[in-house]
Amino acid sequence: MKETENSLVFKKWQCEFLQSHVLDEQDYDRAFSAAERLKFRGGVTDGEWLEMVWLANAAFCRSGM
């Protein structure tokens, strides 16, 4: 399987929401909502959206909440 590079929109989302690598509940909600809006508007692919959700979930789990 060929690995594809993520879009600029994905990278911008990642920089905005995952700089600390840990999300509390409020930050998780913001990150998830932003990812949903980007997917709905066609700003990211389905694969990028799934990766965003996975990354947000992982960062929230690291918070211990």
PDB file of N, CA and C in Angstrom:
ATOM      1  N   MET A   1       0.845  -1.181   0.000  1.00  0.00           N
ATOM      2  CA  MET A   1       0.000   0.000   0.000  1.00  0.00           C
ATOM      3  C   MET A   1       0.892   1.246   0.000  1.00  0.00           C
ATOM      4  N   LYS A   2       0.603   2.160  -0.871  1.00  0.00           N
ATOM      5  CA  LYS A   2       1.375   3.392  -0.981  1.00  0.00           C
ATOM      6  C   LYS A   2       0.907   4.394   0.075  1.00  0.00           C
ATOM      7  N   GLU A   3       1.863   4.919   0.821  1.00  0.00           N
ATOM      8  CA  GLU A   3       1.525   5.914   1.838  1.00  0.00           C
ATOM      9  C   GLU A   3       1.395   7.276   1.161  1.00  0.00           C
ATOM     10  N   THR A   4       0.306   7.973   1.455  1.00  0.00           N
ATOM     11  CA  THR A   4       0.098   9.287   0.869  1.00  0.00           C
ATOM     12  C   THR A   4       0.379  10.358   1.906  1.00  0.00           C
ATOM     13  N   GLU A   5       0.764  11.505   1.430  1.00  0.00           N
ATOM     14  CA  GLU A   5       1.056  12.616   2.327  1.00  0.00           C
ATOM     15  C   GLU A   5      -0.241  13.336   2.685  1.00  0.00           C
ATOM     16  N   ASN A   6      -0.342  13.731   3.927  1.00  0.00           N
ATOM     17  CA  ASN A   6      -1.547  14.437   4.379  1.00  0.00           C
ATOM     18  C   ASN A   6      -1.594  15.842   3.797  1.00  0.00           C
ATOM     19  N   SER A   7      -2.814  16.352   3.659  1.00  0.00           N
ATOM     20  CA  SER A   7      -3.031  17.666   3.072  1.00  0.00           C
ATOM     21  C   SER A   7      -2.587  18.774   4.030  1.00  0.00           C
ATOM     22  N   LEU A   8      -2.469  19.949   3.497  1.00  0.00           N
ATOM     23  CA  LEU A   8      -2.117  21.120   4.291  1.00  0.00           C
ATOM     24  C   LEU A   8      -3.187  21.393   5.350  1.00  0.00           C
ATOM     25  N   VAL A   9      -4.443  21.178   5.003  1.00  0.00           N
ATOM     26  CA  VAL A   9      -5.544  21.377   5.950  1.00  0.00           C
ATOM     27  C   VAL A   9      -5.383  20.431   7.143  1.00  0.00           C
ATOM     28  N   PHE A  10      -5.046  19.170   6.866  1.00  0.00           N
ATOM     29  CA  PHE A  10      -4.821  18.189   7.926  1.00  0.00           C
ATOM     30  C   PHE A  10      -3.672  18.642   8.820  1.00  0.00           C
ATOM     31  N   LYS A  11      -2.583  19.054   8.212  1.00  0.00           N
ATOM     32  CA  LYS A  11      -1.408  19.485   8.987  1.00  0.00           C
ATOM     33  C   LYS A  11      -1.722  20.709   9.847  1.00  0.00           C
ATOM     34  N   LYS A  12      -2.524  21.616   9.302  1.00  0.00           N
ATOM     35  CA  LYS A  12      -2.926  22.801  10.062  1.00  0.00           C
ATOM     36  C   LYS A  12      -3.774  22.398  11.272  1.00  0.00           C
ATOM     37  N   TRP A  13      -4.713  21.464  11.080  1.00  0.00           N
ATOM     38  CA  TRP A  13      -5.525  20.955  12.191  1.00  0.00           C
ATOM     39  C   TRP A  13      -4.631  20.316  13.248  1.00  0.00           C
ATOM     40  N   GLN A  14      -3.681  19.528  12.795  1.00  0.00           N
ATOM     41  CA  GLN A  14      -2.774  18.841  13.710  1.00  0.00           C
ATOM     42  C   GLN A  14      -1.957  19.852  14.523  1.00  0.00           C
ATOM     43  N   CYS A  15      -1.456  20.887  13.885  1.00  0.00           N
ATOM     44  CA  CYS A  15      -0.693  21.920  14.599  1.00  0.00           C
ATOM     45  C   CYS A  15      -1.567  22.671  15.601  1.00  0.00           C
ATOM     46  N   GLU A  16      -2.798  22.928  15.228  1.00  0.00           N
ATOM     47  CA  GLU A  16      -3.690  23.689  16.108  1.00  0.00           C
ATOM     48  C   GLU A  16      -4.119  22.891  17.340  1.00  0.00           C
ATOM     49  N   PHE A  17      -4.397  21.605  17.157  1.00  0.00           N
ATOM     50  CA  PHE A  17      -5.017  20.850  18.246  1.00  0.00           C
ATOM     51  C   PHE A  17      -4.105  19.845  18.949  1.00  0.00           C
ATOM     52  N   LEU A  18      -3.000  19.454  18.338  1.00  0.00           N
ATOM     53  CA  LEU A  18      -2.212  18.367  18.922  1.00  0.00           C
ATOM     54  C   LEU A  18      -0.800  18.766  19.314  1.00  0.00           C
ATOM     55  N   GLN A  19      -0.560  20.037  19.518  1.00  0.00           N
ATOM     56  CA  GLN A  19       0.784  20.470  19.898  1.00  0.00           C
ATOM     57  C   GLN A  19       1.236  19.873  21.220  1.00  0.00           C
ATOM     58  N   SER A  20       0.332  19.753  22.186  1.00  0.00           N
ATOM     59  CA  SER A  20       0.729  19.251  23.502  1.00  0.00           C
ATOM     60  C   SER A  20       0.681  17.723  23.568  1.00  0.00           C
ATOM     61  N   HIS A  21       0.117  17.061  22.570  1.00  0.00           N
ATOM     62  CA  HIS A  21      -0.021  15.606  22.515  1.00  0.00           C
ATOM     63  C   HIS A  21      -0.974  15.055  23.574  1.00  0.00           C
ATOM     64  N   VAL A  22      -1.618  15.937  24.352  1.00  0.00           N
ATOM     65  CA  VAL A  22      -2.595  15.535  25.359  1.00  0.00           C
ATOM     66  C   VAL A  22      -3.781  16.496  25.250  1.00  0.00           C
ATOM     67  N   LEU A  23      -4.998  15.929  25.226  1.00  0.00           N
ATOM     68  CA  LEU A  23      -6.198  16.758  25.149  1.00  0.00           C
ATOM     69  C   LEU A  23      -7.085  16.490  26.356  1.00  0.00           C
ATOM     70  N   ASP A  24      -7.528  17.581  27.007  1.00  0.00           N
ATOM     71  CA  ASP A  24      -8.549  17.406  28.032  1.00  0.00           C
ATOM     72  C   ASP A  24      -9.900  17.313  27.311  1.00  0.00           C
ATOM     73  N   GLU A  25     -10.967  17.145  28.065  1.00  0.00           N
ATOM     74  CA  GLU A  25     -12.271  16.919  27.445  1.00  0.00           C
ATOM     75  C   GLU A  25     -12.714  18.080  26.553  1.00  0.00           C
ATOM     76  N   GLN A  26     -12.500  19.302  27.014  1.00  0.00           N
ATOM     77  CA  GLN A  26     -12.903  20.472  26.235  1.00  0.00           C
ATOM     78  C   GLN A  26     -12.091  20.578  24.938  1.00  0.00           C
ATOM     79  N   ASP A  27     -10.784  20.378  25.032  1.00  0.00           N
ATOM     80  CA  ASP A  27      -9.943  20.442  23.835  1.00  0.00           C
ATOM     81  C   ASP A  27     -10.256  19.300  22.871  1.00  0.00           C
ATOM     82  N   TYR A  28     -10.566  18.127  23.426  1.00  0.00           N
ATOM     83  CA  TYR A  28     -10.957  16.988  22.583  1.00  0.00           C
ATOM     84  C   TYR A  28     -12.224  17.330  21.795  1.00  0.00           C
ATOM     85  N   ASP A  29     -13.215  17.888  22.469  1.00  0.00           N
ATOM     86  CA  ASP A  29     -14.459  18.270  21.796  1.00  0.00           C
ATOM     87  C   ASP A  29     -14.196  19.272  20.679  1.00  0.00           C
ATOM     88  N   ARG A  30     -13.338  20.238  20.944  1.00  0.00           N
ATOM     89  CA  ARG A  30     -13.000  21.243  19.922  1.00  0.00           C
ATOM     90  C   ARG A  30     -12.307  20.593  18.727  1.00  0.00           C
ATOM     91  N   ALA A  31     -11.343  19.715  19.003  1.00  0.00           N
ATOM     92  CA  ALA A  31     -10.591  19.050  17.929  1.00  0.00           C
ATOM     93  C   ALA A  31     -11.514  18.165  17.096  1.00  0.00           C
ATOM     94  N   PHE A  32     -12.369  17.398  17.773  1.00  0.00           N
ATOM     95  CA  PHE A  32     -13.273  16.499  17.068  1.00  0.00           C
ATOM     96  C   PHE A  32     -14.271  17.290  16.221  1.00  0.00           C
ATOM     97  N   SER A  33     -14.827  18.355  16.790  1.00  0.00           N
ATOM     98  CA  SER A  33     -15.787  19.182  16.046  1.00  0.00           C
ATOM     99  C   SER A  33     -15.140  19.820  14.821  1.00  0.00           C
ATOM    100  N   ALA A  34     -13.923  20.293  14.981  1.00  0.00           N
ATOM    101  CA  ALA A  34     -13.213  20.894  13.844  1.00  0.00           C
ATOM    102  C   ALA A  34     -12.973  19.852  12.752  1.00  0.00           C
ATOM    103  N   ALA A  35     -12.603  18.641  13.142  1.00  0.00           N
ATOM    104  CA  ALA A  35     -12.380  17.570  12.171  1.00  0.00           C
ATOM    105  C   ALA A  35     -13.676  17.232  11.444  1.00  0.00           C
ATOM    106  N   GLU A  36     -14.775  17.180  12.176  1.00  0.00           N
ATOM    107  CA  GLU A  36     -16.079  16.896  11.558  1.00  0.00           C
ATOM    108  C   GLU A  36     -16.459  17.977  10.542  1.00  0.00           C
ATOM    109  N   ARG A  37     -16.240  19.235  10.913  1.00  0.00           N
ATOM    110  CA  ARG A  37     -16.554  20.341   9.986  1.00  0.00           C
ATOM    111  C   ARG A  37     -15.712  20.236   8.721  1.00  0.00           C
ATOM    112  N   LEU A  38     -14.425  19.930   8.882  1.00  0.00           N
ATOM    113  CA  LEU A  38     -13.548  19.810   7.716  1.00  0.00           C
ATOM    114  C   LEU A  38     -14.005  18.670   6.801  1.00  0.00           C
ATOM    115  N   LYS A  39     -14.397  17.558   7.389  1.00  0.00           N
ATOM    116  CA  LYS A  39     -14.872  16.426   6.584  1.00  0.00           C
ATOM    117  C   LYS A  39     -16.170  16.791   5.868  1.00  0.00           C
ATOM    118  N   PHE A  40     -17.090  17.410   6.588  1.00  0.00           N
ATOM    119  CA  PHE A  40     -18.376  17.786   6.009  1.00  0.00           C
ATOM    120  C   PHE A  40     -18.199  18.748   4.836  1.00  0.00           C
ATOM    121  N   ARG A  41     -17.251  19.668   4.955  1.00  0.00           N
ATOM    122  CA  ARG A  41     -17.002  20.667   3.899  1.00  0.00           C
ATOM    123  C   ARG A  41     -16.117  20.138   2.774  1.00  0.00           C
ATOM    124  N   GLY A  42     -15.612  18.917   2.916  1.00  0.00           N
ATOM    125  CA  GLY A  42     -14.754  18.354   1.881  1.00  0.00           C
ATOM    126  C   GLY A  42     -13.313  18.821   1.981  1.00  0.00           C
ATOM    127  N   GLY A  43     -12.940  19.362   3.128  1.00  0.00           N
ATOM    128  CA  GLY A  43     -11.578  19.869   3.298  1.00  0.00           C
ATOM    129  C   GLY A  43     -10.545  18.787   3.524  1.00  0.00           C
ATOM    130  N   VAL A  44     -10.998  17.612   3.975  1.00  0.00           N
ATOM    131  CA  VAL A  44     -10.095  16.478   4.186  1.00  0.00           C
ATOM    132  C   VAL A  44     -10.736  15.222   3.608  1.00  0.00           C
ATOM    133  N   THR A  45      -9.904  14.261   3.298  1.00  0.00           N
ATOM    134  CA  THR A  45     -10.401  12.987   2.783  1.00  0.00           C
ATOM    135  C   THR A  45     -10.964  12.150   3.932  1.00  0.00           C
ATOM    136  N   ASP A  46     -11.662  11.083   3.576  1.00  0.00           N
ATOM    137  CA  ASP A  46     -12.169  10.170   4.609  1.00  0.00           C
ATOM    138  C   ASP A  46     -11.019   9.588   5.423  1.00  0.00           C
ATOM    139  N   GLY A  47      -9.939   9.236   4.746  1.00  0.00           N
ATOM    140  CA  GLY A  47      -8.782   8.686   5.431  1.00  0.00           C
ATOM    141  C   GLY A  47      -8.137   9.679   6.385  1.00  0.00           C
ATOM    142  N   GLU A  48      -8.047  10.933   5.954  1.00  0.00           N
ATOM    143  CA  GLU A  48      -7.496  11.968   6.830  1.00  0.00           C
ATOM    144  C   GLU A  48      -8.402  12.182   8.038  1.00  0.00           C
ATOM    145  N   TRP A  49      -9.709  12.184   7.810  1.00  0.00           N
ATOM    146  CA  TRP A  49     -10.642  12.358   8.910  1.00  0.00           C
ATOM    147  C   TRP A  49     -10.503  11.227   9.920  1.00  0.00           C
ATOM    148  N   LEU A  50     -10.393  10.005   9.443  1.00  0.00           N
ATOM    149  CA  LEU A  50     -10.211   8.867  10.354  1.00  0.00           C
ATOM    150  C   LEU A  50      -8.928   9.018  11.165  1.00  0.00           C
ATOM    151  N   GLU A  51      -7.872   9.479  10.520  1.00  0.00           N
ATOM    152  CA  GLU A  51      -6.619   9.693  11.242  1.00  0.00           C
ATOM    153  C   GLU A  51      -6.763  10.810  12.280  1.00  0.00           C
ATOM    154  N   MET A  52      -7.494  11.868  11.931  1.00  0.00           N
ATOM    155  CA  MET A  52      -7.750  12.949  12.894  1.00  0.00           C
ATOM    156  C   MET A  52      -8.473  12.414  14.122  1.00  0.00           C
ATOM    157  N   VAL A  53      -9.508  11.610  13.902  1.00  0.00           N
ATOM    158  CA  VAL A  53     -10.274  11.039  15.011  1.00  0.00           C
ATOM    159  C   VAL A  53      -9.368  10.141  15.854  1.00  0.00           C
ATOM    160  N   TRP A  54      -8.572   9.320  15.203  1.00  0.00           N
ATOM    161  CA  TRP A  54      -7.661   8.429  15.929  1.00  0.00           C
ATOM    162  C   TRP A  54      -6.672   9.238  16.767  1.00  0.00           C
ATOM    163  N   LEU A  55      -6.090  10.274  16.177  1.00  0.00           N
ATOM    164  CA  LEU A  55      -5.115  11.103  16.897  1.00  0.00           C
ATOM    165  C   LEU A  55      -5.763  11.838  18.072  1.00  0.00           C
ATOM    166  N   ALA A  56      -6.965  12.369  17.864  1.00  0.00           N
ATOM    167  CA  ALA A  56      -7.660  13.062  18.955  1.00  0.00           C
ATOM    168  C   ALA A  56      -8.004  12.085  20.073  1.00  0.00           C
ATOM    169  N   ASN A  57      -8.472  10.898  19.711  1.00  0.00           N
ATOM    170  CA  ASN A  57      -8.788   9.891  20.730  1.00  0.00           C
ATOM    171  C   ASN A  57      -7.543   9.501  21.518  1.00  0.00           C
ATOM    172  N   ALA A  58      -6.439   9.298  20.834  1.00  0.00           N
ATOM    173  CA  ALA A  58      -5.195   8.919  21.502  1.00  0.00           C
ATOM    174  C   ALA A  58      -4.731  10.024  22.449  1.00  0.00           C
ATOM    175  N   ALA A  59      -4.828  11.277  22.022  1.00  0.00           N
ATOM    176  CA  ALA A  59      -4.410  12.400  22.865  1.00  0.00           C
ATOM    177  C   ALA A  59      -5.317  12.525  24.086  1.00  0.00           C
ATOM    178  N   PHE A  60      -6.600  12.257  23.910  1.00  0.00           N
ATOM    179  CA  PHE A  60      -7.523  12.300  25.042  1.00  0.00           C
ATOM    180  C   PHE A  60      -7.232  11.171  26.022  1.00  0.00           C
ATOM    181  N   CYS A  61      -6.949   9.992  25.497  1.00  0.00           N
ATOM    182  CA  CYS A  61      -6.611   8.852  26.376  1.00  0.00           C
ATOM    183  C   CYS A  61      -5.348   9.140  27.197  1.00  0.00           C
ATOM    184  N   ARG A  62      -4.388   9.837  26.604  1.00  0.00           N
ATOM    185  CA  ARG A  62      -3.166  10.177  27.330  1.00  0.00           C
ATOM    186  C   ARG A  62      -3.429  11.135  28.497  1.00  0.00           C
ATOM    187  N   SER A  63      -4.567  11.822  28.461  1.00  0.00           N
ATOM    188  CA  SER A  63      -4.881  12.757  29.547  1.00  0.00           C
ATOM    189  C   SER A  63      -5.316  12.009  30.808  1.00  0.00           C
ATOM    190  N   GLY A  64      -5.689  10.743  30.657  1.00  0.00           N
ATOM    191  CA  GLY A  64      -6.112   9.951  31.799  1.00  0.00           C
ATOM    192  C   GLY A  64      -7.544  10.195  32.228  1.00  0.00           C
ATOM    193  N   MET A  65      -8.316  10.899  31.406  1.00  0.00           N
ATOM    194  CA  MET A  65      -9.705  11.204  31.776  1.00  0.00           C
ATOM    195  C   MET A  65     -10.620  10.071  31.411  1.00  0.00           C
TER     196      MET A  65
END
